[in-house]
């Protein structure tokens, strides 16, 4: 369910404002190269949710309520001060911003015409799991960047870690 809500946020329906974006003057022309790949989250029932970033696209797939849900959105650049309500509608376009919270760099993805809300934000960090280093894509949102899911670079790692909670993170309840 959280994954579906993040997809909705990506495509423009969200409720919480993101104050960190107020200082941005422009949006991203391409997603950071560190994101470029397919990331996996194991749902615990034999299926893998995925998020795939390329330089200009983000695609998501998730099995929920006995159905697969797929979405793809294309990143477009614009002046961040442009009022989204006064530009042409593009349901499959998104804008992106990067910002820092502590030592982490987050990439925020919002719908092209999204005038309010925080969209979905992603950060990559190296975490430790049973004394091994693991590259983790965390998906967060909301007023305090609560983590909804972690994604991994392989299905094997995703299966092994599942819904593991790392210390120092704030999670949706």
C-alpha atoms as a PDB file:
ATOM      1  CA  UNK A   1       0.000   0.000   0.000  1.00  0.00           C
ATOM      2  CA  UNK A   2       2.824   2.407   0.845  1.00  0.00           C
ATOM      3  CA  UNK A   3       4.395   1.734  -2.540  1.00  0.00           C
ATOM      4  CA  UNK A   4       1.109   2.510  -4.323  1.00  0.00           C
ATOM      5  CA  UNK A   5       0.852   5.761  -2.390  1.00  0.00           C
ATOM      6  CA  UNK A   6       4.351   6.707  -3.483  1.00  0.00           C
ATOM      7  CA  UNK A   7       3.436   6.044  -7.115  1.00  0.00           C
ATOM      8  CA  UNK A   8       0.414   8.303  -6.708  1.00  0.00           C
ATOM      9  CA  UNK A   9       2.682  10.960  -5.213  1.00  0.00           C
ATOM     10  CA  UNK A  10       5.065  10.656  -8.149  1.00  0.00           C
ATOM     11  CA  UNK A  11       2.213  11.240 -10.544  1.00  0.00           C
ATOM     12  CA  UNK A  12       1.013  14.299  -8.696  1.00  0.00           C
ATOM     13  CA  UNK A  13      -1.252  13.496  -5.778  1.00  0.00           C
ATOM     14  CA  UNK A  14       0.249  14.246  -2.374  1.00  0.00           C
ATOM     15  CA  UNK A  15      -0.633  16.306   0.679  1.00  0.00           C
ATOM     16  CA  UNK A  16       2.498  17.370   2.589  1.00  0.00           C
ATOM     17  CA  UNK A  17       4.677  20.348   1.562  1.00  0.00           C
ATOM     18  CA  UNK A  18       8.425  19.945   1.182  1.00  0.00           C
ATOM     19  CA  UNK A  19      10.159  23.012   2.643  1.00  0.00           C
ATOM     20  CA  UNK A  20      13.622  21.957   1.428  1.00  0.00           C
ATOM     21  CA  UNK A  21      12.612  22.687  -2.162  1.00  0.00           C
ATOM     22  CA  UNK A  22      11.911  26.354  -1.592  1.00  0.00           C
ATOM     23  CA  UNK A  23      15.533  27.283  -2.270  1.00  0.00           C
ATOM     24  CA  UNK A  24      15.804  25.367  -5.559  1.00  0.00           C
ATOM     25  CA  UNK A  25      15.772  27.600  -8.643  1.00  0.00           C
ATOM     26  CA  UNK A  26      15.631  24.873 -11.270  1.00  0.00           C
ATOM     27  CA  UNK A  27      14.740  21.222 -11.464  1.00  0.00           C
ATOM     28  CA  UNK A  28      16.939  18.294 -12.491  1.00  0.00           C
ATOM     29  CA  UNK A  29      17.801  17.742 -16.159  1.00  0.00           C
ATOM     30  CA  UNK A  30      18.613  14.091 -15.431  1.00  0.00           C
ATOM     31  CA  UNK A  31      18.518  11.774 -12.455  1.00  0.00           C
ATOM     32  CA  UNK A  32      21.819  11.306 -10.593  1.00  0.00           C
ATOM     33  CA  UNK A  33      23.843   8.450 -12.101  1.00  0.00           C
ATOM     34  CA  UNK A  34      24.002   6.711  -8.712  1.00  0.00           C
ATOM     35  CA  UNK A  35      20.272   5.949  -9.088  1.00  0.00           C
ATOM     36  CA  UNK A  36      20.541   4.486 -12.616  1.00  0.00           C
ATOM     37  CA  UNK A  37      19.627   0.799 -12.343  1.00  0.00           C
ATOM     38  CA  UNK A  38      16.791  -1.466 -11.277  1.00  0.00           C
ATOM     39  CA  UNK A  39      16.287  -1.669  -7.513  1.00  0.00           C
ATOM     40  CA  UNK A  40      14.409  -4.549  -5.812  1.00  0.00           C
ATOM     41  CA  UNK A  41      12.224  -4.877  -2.721  1.00  0.00           C
ATOM     42  CA  UNK A  42      10.968  -8.309  -1.679  1.00  0.00           C
ATOM     43  CA  UNK A  43       7.297  -8.255  -0.682  1.00  0.00           C
ATOM     44  CA  UNK A  44       7.511 -11.412   1.468  1.00  0.00           C
ATOM     45  CA  UNK A  45       5.168 -13.391  -0.803  1.00  0.00           C
ATOM     46  CA  UNK A  46       7.469 -14.442  -3.642  1.00  0.00           C
ATOM     47  CA  UNK A  47       7.267 -11.183  -5.589  1.00  0.00           C
ATOM     48  CA  UNK A  48       9.682  -8.297  -6.050  1.00  0.00           C
ATOM     49  CA  UNK A  49       8.616  -4.672  -6.259  1.00  0.00           C
ATOM     50  CA  UNK A  50      10.946  -2.690  -8.497  1.00  0.00           C
ATOM     51  CA  UNK A  51      11.988   0.886  -9.092  1.00  0.00           C
ATOM     52  CA  UNK A  52      14.081   1.575 -12.177  1.00  0.00           C
ATOM     53  CA  UNK A  53      15.854   4.863 -12.830  1.00  0.00           C
ATOM     54  CA  UNK A  54      17.501   5.844 -16.094  1.00  0.00           C
ATOM     55  CA  UNK A  55      18.768   9.327 -16.883  1.00  0.00           C
ATOM     56  CA  UNK A  56      15.279  10.603 -17.777  1.00  0.00           C
ATOM     57  CA  UNK A  57      12.761   7.982 -16.628  1.00  0.00           C
ATOM     58  CA  UNK A  58      11.552   6.350 -13.437  1.00  0.00           C
ATOM     59  CA  UNK A  59       9.483   3.165 -13.638  1.00  0.00           C
ATOM     60  CA  UNK A  60       7.804   1.320 -10.789  1.00  0.00           C
ATOM     61  CA  UNK A  61       6.173  -2.095 -10.540  1.00  0.00           C
ATOM     62  CA  UNK A  62       4.399  -3.486  -7.499  1.00  0.00           C
ATOM     63  CA  UNK A  63       2.052  -6.365  -6.803  1.00  0.00           C
ATOM     64  CA  UNK A  64      -0.773  -5.277  -4.549  1.00  0.00           C
ATOM     65  CA  UNK A  65      -4.312  -6.512  -3.914  1.00  0.00           C
ATOM     66  CA  UNK A  66      -3.892  -9.432  -6.367  1.00  0.00           C
ATOM     67  CA  UNK A  67      -2.789  -7.161  -9.234  1.00  0.00           C
ATOM     68  CA  UNK A  68       0.429  -5.776 -10.676  1.00  0.00           C
ATOM     69  CA  UNK A  69       0.633  -1.995 -10.857  1.00  0.00           C
ATOM     70  CA  UNK A  70       3.091  -0.394 -13.280  1.00  0.00           C
ATOM     71  CA  UNK A  71       3.932   3.229 -13.893  1.00  0.00           C
ATOM     72  CA  UNK A  72       6.547   5.092 -15.891  1.00  0.00           C
ATOM     73  CA  UNK A  73       7.218   8.799 -15.727  1.00  0.00           C
ATOM     74  CA  UNK A  74       9.608  10.980 -17.698  1.00  0.00           C
ATOM     75  CA  UNK A  75      11.769  13.628 -16.033  1.00  0.00           C
ATOM     76  CA  UNK A  76      11.473  17.139 -17.475  1.00  0.00           C
ATOM     77  CA  UNK A  77      13.319  20.322 -16.588  1.00  0.00           C
ATOM     78  CA  UNK A  78      11.686  23.618 -15.670  1.00  0.00           C
ATOM     79  CA  UNK A  79      12.142  26.705 -13.538  1.00  0.00           C
ATOM     80  CA  UNK A  80      11.187  25.653 -10.007  1.00  0.00           C
ATOM     81  CA  UNK A  81       9.271  28.894  -9.450  1.00  0.00           C
ATOM     82  CA  UNK A  82       6.838  28.152 -12.291  1.00  0.00           C
ATOM     83  CA  UNK A  83       3.319  27.686 -10.953  1.00  0.00           C
ATOM     84  CA  UNK A  84       2.399  24.054 -11.822  1.00  0.00           C
ATOM     85  CA  UNK A  85      -1.287  25.020 -12.057  1.00  0.00           C
ATOM     86  CA  UNK A  86      -0.523  27.423 -14.925  1.00  0.00           C
ATOM     87  CA  UNK A  87       1.341  25.064 -17.249  1.00  0.00           C
ATOM     88  CA  UNK A  88       0.084  22.437 -19.675  1.00  0.00           C
ATOM     89  CA  UNK A  89      -0.938  19.148 -18.065  1.00  0.00           C
ATOM     90  CA  UNK A  90       1.339  16.157 -18.506  1.00  0.00           C
ATOM     91  CA  UNK A  91       0.261  13.192 -16.394  1.00  0.00           C
ATOM     92  CA  UNK A  92       3.375  11.130 -17.111  1.00  0.00           C
ATOM     93  CA  UNK A  93       5.939  13.911 -16.586  1.00  0.00           C
ATOM     94  CA  UNK A  94       7.813  14.534 -13.352  1.00  0.00           C
ATOM     95  CA  UNK A  95      10.256  17.100 -11.992  1.00  0.00           C
ATOM     96  CA  UNK A  96      13.156  16.314  -9.712  1.00  0.00           C
ATOM     97  CA  UNK A  97      15.238  18.114  -7.102  1.00  0.00           C
ATOM     98  CA  UNK A  98      18.171  17.077  -4.952  1.00  0.00           C
ATOM     99  CA  UNK A  99      18.756  18.252  -1.403  1.00  0.00           C
ATOM    100  CA  UNK A 100      20.714  17.364   1.716  1.00  0.00           C
ATOM    101  CA  UNK A 101      19.415  16.184   5.068  1.00  0.00           C
ATOM    102  CA  UNK A 102      22.316  15.526   7.368  1.00  0.00           C
ATOM    103  CA  UNK A 103      24.923  13.568   5.409  1.00  0.00           C
ATOM    104  CA  UNK A 104      22.404  12.067   2.985  1.00  0.00           C
ATOM    105  CA  UNK A 105      21.643  13.435  -0.472  1.00  0.00           C
ATOM    106  CA  UNK A 106      18.011  12.920  -1.400  1.00  0.00           C
ATOM    107  CA  UNK A 107      16.439  13.032  -4.852  1.00  0.00           C
ATOM    108  CA  UNK A 108      12.838  14.176  -4.799  1.00  0.00           C
ATOM    109  CA  UNK A 109      10.426  13.257  -7.614  1.00  0.00           C
ATOM    110  CA  UNK A 110       7.132  15.122  -8.008  1.00  0.00           C
ATOM    111  CA  UNK A 111       4.415  15.206 -10.632  1.00  0.00           C
ATOM    112  CA  UNK A 112       4.827  17.857 -13.337  1.00  0.00           C
ATOM    113  CA  UNK A 113       1.602  19.589 -12.301  1.00  0.00           C
ATOM    114  CA  UNK A 114       1.911  18.871  -8.592  1.00  0.00           C
ATOM    115  CA  UNK A 115       1.362  22.193  -6.792  1.00  0.00           C
ATOM    116  CA  UNK A 116       1.465  20.803  -3.266  1.00  0.00           C
ATOM    117  CA  UNK A 117       2.994  17.798  -1.625  1.00  0.00           C
ATOM    118  CA  UNK A 118       6.350  16.208  -1.213  1.00  0.00           C
ATOM    119  CA  UNK A 119       6.318  13.548  -3.939  1.00  0.00           C
ATOM    120  CA  UNK A 120       8.651  10.636  -3.271  1.00  0.00           C
ATOM    121  CA  UNK A 121      12.244  11.016  -2.174  1.00  0.00           C
ATOM    122  CA  UNK A 122      15.110   8.568  -2.567  1.00  0.00           C
ATOM    123  CA  UNK A 123      18.537   8.318  -0.984  1.00  0.00           C
ATOM    124  CA  UNK A 124      21.337   5.825  -1.432  1.00  0.00           C
ATOM    125  CA  UNK A 125      23.447   4.836   1.530  1.00  0.00           C
ATOM    126  CA  UNK A 126      25.725   1.995   2.437  1.00  0.00           C
ATOM    127  CA  UNK A 127      24.310   0.156   5.441  1.00  0.00           C
ATOM    128  CA  UNK A 128      25.716  -2.699   7.490  1.00  0.00           C
ATOM    129  CA  UNK A 129      23.785  -5.959   7.784  1.00  0.00           C
ATOM    130  CA  UNK A 130      25.389  -8.833   9.710  1.00  0.00           C
ATOM    131  CA  UNK A 131      28.818  -7.183   9.380  1.00  0.00           C
ATOM    132  CA  UNK A 132      28.499  -6.821   5.600  1.00  0.00           C
ATOM    133  CA  UNK A 133      28.160  -3.586   3.647  1.00  0.00           C
ATOM    134  CA  UNK A 134      24.961  -3.316   1.606  1.00  0.00           C
ATOM    135  CA  UNK A 135      23.981  -0.592  -0.864  1.00  0.00           C
ATOM    136  CA  UNK A 136      20.451   0.552  -0.021  1.00  0.00           C
ATOM    137  CA  UNK A 137      17.992   2.789  -1.857  1.00  0.00           C
ATOM    138  CA  UNK A 138      15.584   4.164   0.736  1.00  0.00           C
ATOM    139  CA  UNK A 139      12.235   5.586  -0.326  1.00  0.00           C
ATOM    140  CA  UNK A 140      10.870   8.225   1.992  1.00  0.00           C
ATOM    141  CA  UNK A 141       8.341  10.978   2.212  1.00  0.00           C
ATOM    142  CA  UNK A 142       6.160  12.980   4.493  1.00  0.00           C
ATOM    143  CA  UNK A 143       6.995  15.832   6.804  1.00  0.00           C
ATOM    144  CA  UNK A 144       9.915  14.023   8.441  1.00  0.00           C
ATOM    145  CA  UNK A 145      11.057  11.791   5.553  1.00  0.00           C
ATOM    146  CA  UNK A 146       9.748   8.562   7.001  1.00  0.00           C
ATOM    147  CA  UNK A 147      11.070   5.507   5.216  1.00  0.00           C
ATOM    148  CA  UNK A 148       8.437   3.372   3.505  1.00  0.00           C
ATOM    149  CA  UNK A 149      10.648   0.818   1.749  1.00  0.00           C
ATOM    150  CA  UNK A 150      14.231  -0.143   1.152  1.00  0.00           C
ATOM    151  CA  UNK A 151      15.331  -1.372  -2.263  1.00  0.00           C
ATOM    152  CA  UNK A 152      18.482  -3.318  -3.103  1.00  0.00           C
ATOM    153  CA  UNK A 153      20.673  -3.922  -6.147  1.00  0.00           C
ATOM    154  CA  UNK A 154      19.797  -7.613  -6.448  1.00  0.00           C
ATOM    155  CA  UNK A 155      16.823  -9.883  -5.877  1.00  0.00           C
ATOM    156  CA  UNK A 156      18.955 -12.081  -3.596  1.00  0.00           C
ATOM    157  CA  UNK A 157      19.796  -9.209  -1.272  1.00  0.00           C
ATOM    158  CA  UNK A 158      16.190  -7.987  -1.366  1.00  0.00           C
ATOM    159  CA  UNK A 159      14.951 -11.476  -0.455  1.00  0.00           C
ATOM    160  CA  UNK A 160      17.454 -11.798   2.387  1.00  0.00           C
ATOM    161  CA  UNK A 161      16.748  -8.379   3.927  1.00  0.00           C
ATOM    162  CA  UNK A 162      13.001  -8.134   3.158  1.00  0.00           C
ATOM    163  CA  UNK A 163      11.468  -5.464   5.383  1.00  0.00           C
ATOM    164  CA  UNK A 164      14.534  -5.087   7.597  1.00  0.00           C
ATOM    165  CA  UNK A 165      14.621  -1.852   9.597  1.00  0.00           C
ATOM    166  CA  UNK A 166      18.033  -0.217   9.936  1.00  0.00           C
ATOM    167  CA  UNK A 167      18.879   1.692  13.097  1.00  0.00           C
ATOM    168  CA  UNK A 168      18.885   5.468  12.813  1.00  0.00           C
ATOM    169  CA  UNK A 169      16.005   5.605  10.298  1.00  0.00           C
ATOM    170  CA  UNK A 170      12.464   6.862  10.837  1.00  0.00           C
ATOM    171  CA  UNK A 171       9.850   4.470   9.457  1.00  0.00           C
ATOM    172  CA  UNK A 172       6.145   4.739   8.638  1.00  0.00           C
ATOM    173  CA  UNK A 173       4.232   2.981  11.381  1.00  0.00           C
END
